[in-house]
Protein backbone atom coordinates (compact mmCIF):
# COMPACT_ATOMS: atom_id res chain seq x y z
CA MET A 1 131.94 65.18 80.38
CA GLU A 2 129.42 66.80 80.63
CA ASN A 3 126.66 66.29 83.39
CA LYS A 4 123.57 66.10 81.75
CA ASP A 5 121.65 65.18 84.83
CA MET A 6 121.76 68.47 86.25
CA ASN A 7 119.02 70.70 86.38
CA GLU A 8 119.61 74.35 85.95
CA LEU A 9 118.29 76.83 88.44
CA ASP A 10 116.50 80.12 87.39
CA MET A 11 117.18 83.65 89.27
CA THR A 12 113.43 83.10 91.33
CA GLN A 13 114.62 79.71 92.58
CA LEU A 14 118.85 80.63 93.29
CA ASP A 15 117.58 83.71 94.96
CA ARG A 16 115.16 81.23 97.74
CA ILE A 17 118.19 79.21 98.40
CA ASN A 18 121.17 81.89 98.54
CA GLY A 19 122.15 83.26 101.88
CA GLY A 20 121.37 82.36 105.37
CA VAL A 21 118.07 82.74 107.62
CA PHE A 22 120.72 84.79 110.10
CA GLY A 23 122.87 86.09 107.51
CA GLU A 24 119.58 87.38 105.76
CA VAL A 25 118.28 89.41 108.24
CA SER A 26 121.86 90.71 109.29
CA ALA A 27 122.29 91.85 105.19
CA ASP A 28 118.84 93.41 105.40
CA SER A 29 119.65 95.35 108.67
CA ALA A 30 122.84 96.66 106.53
CA LEU A 31 121.00 97.47 103.53
CA LEU A 32 118.02 99.42 105.53
CA HIS A 33 120.46 101.42 107.99
CA ARG A 34 122.24 102.80 104.89
CA LEU A 35 118.96 103.93 103.37
CA GLY A 36 117.84 105.27 106.85
CA LEU A 37 114.91 103.11 107.63
CA LEU A 38 116.79 100.95 110.46
CA ASP A 39 118.89 103.37 113.29
CA GLU A 40 121.07 100.31 113.65
CA GLU A 41 122.79 97.07 111.66
CA PHE A 42 123.18 94.06 113.35
CA ASN A 43 125.87 91.16 112.49
CA CYS A 44 124.95 87.72 112.78
CA ILE A 45 125.99 87.21 115.88
CA GLU A 46 123.65 89.71 117.33
CA VAL A 47 120.99 88.27 115.31
CA THR A 48 121.68 84.71 116.45
CA VAL A 49 121.76 85.79 120.14
CA ASP A 50 118.78 88.05 119.85
CA TRP A 51 116.58 86.83 117.01
CA LYS A 52 113.03 88.12 118.09
CA ASN A 53 114.09 91.75 118.67
CA CYS A 54 116.35 92.16 115.47
CA SER A 55 114.20 90.40 113.46
CA GLU A 56 111.06 92.54 114.62
CA LYS A 57 113.41 95.76 114.05
CA VAL A 58 114.15 94.68 110.30
CA ASP A 59 110.80 93.59 109.60
CA GLY A 60 109.36 96.85 110.69
CA ALA A 61 111.93 98.92 108.73
CA TRP A 62 110.49 96.87 105.61
CA GLU A 63 106.89 98.14 106.43
CA LYS A 64 108.36 101.72 106.43
CA VAL A 65 108.55 101.31 102.46
CA GLY A 66 105.24 99.32 102.13
CA ILE A 67 107.38 95.46 101.86
CA VAL A 68 106.25 93.08 104.41
CA CYS A 69 109.06 90.44 105.46
CA ASN A 70 108.67 87.24 107.07
CA SER A 71 111.83 86.38 108.68
CA SER A 72 112.26 83.08 109.99
CA PRO A 73 115.25 81.72 111.70
CA THR A 74 114.83 78.66 110.10
CA HIS A 75 113.82 79.26 106.72
CA ASN A 76 114.67 81.94 103.97
CA ASN A 77 112.86 85.18 104.43
CA GLU A 78 109.95 86.11 102.44
CA TYR A 79 109.36 89.22 101.12
CA TYR A 80 106.00 90.86 99.37
CA TYR A 81 104.98 94.35 97.98
CA GLN A 82 101.24 94.76 97.26
CA GLY A 83 100.14 91.08 98.10
CA GLN A 84 102.72 89.59 95.89
CA ARG A 85 105.46 87.44 96.47
CA ILE A 86 108.70 89.16 95.35
CA THR A 87 112.58 88.50 95.42
CA TRP A 88 115.16 90.19 97.86
CA ASP A 89 116.31 92.29 94.69
CA GLU A 90 113.03 93.66 94.19
CA ALA A 91 112.84 94.41 97.42
CA ARG A 92 115.96 96.35 97.95
CA LYS A 93 115.25 98.20 94.36
CA ILE A 94 111.75 99.31 95.79
CA ALA A 95 113.03 99.97 99.19
CA LYS A 96 116.20 102.18 97.08
CA ASP A 97 113.73 104.05 94.76
CA LYS A 98 111.18 105.35 97.65
CA MET A 99 113.95 106.58 99.84
CA ILE A 100 116.05 109.82 99.58
CA LYS A 101 119.27 108.95 101.14
CA GLY A 102 120.64 111.55 103.70
CA PRO A 103 123.35 110.91 106.58
CA LYS A 104 121.29 108.10 108.72
CA ILE A 105 117.89 109.52 107.86
CA GLY A 106 115.60 108.29 105.16
CA ILE A 107 112.62 110.27 103.79
CA PRO A 108 109.87 108.65 101.75
CA LEU A 109 109.63 110.21 98.28
CA PRO A 110 106.81 112.50 98.30
CA GLY A 111 103.47 110.41 96.75
CA GLN A 112 105.20 107.03 98.23
């Protein structure tokens, strides 16, 4: 029997509800570290114990590629690029596109 009362979510809605608040900052730190935008990455326990420090460092790393990240301990992170709200996948793509990767360094591409 098919449940006809269910509503489907689009990808933007799914993006906003997936993950978890501490897990998002931890995942962001891993990505930003791999791109050379952050000197370290944080696991969920570190983020939970030292939220202010970890979230500030992650938000600052996003700013290096022009993305404003509003991380929150009670809500999903919000990402903005050029004043427009974007998804995490879009933020990740922008960061990757703007960086030349090297071993623990990140160099913004010319003109970025």
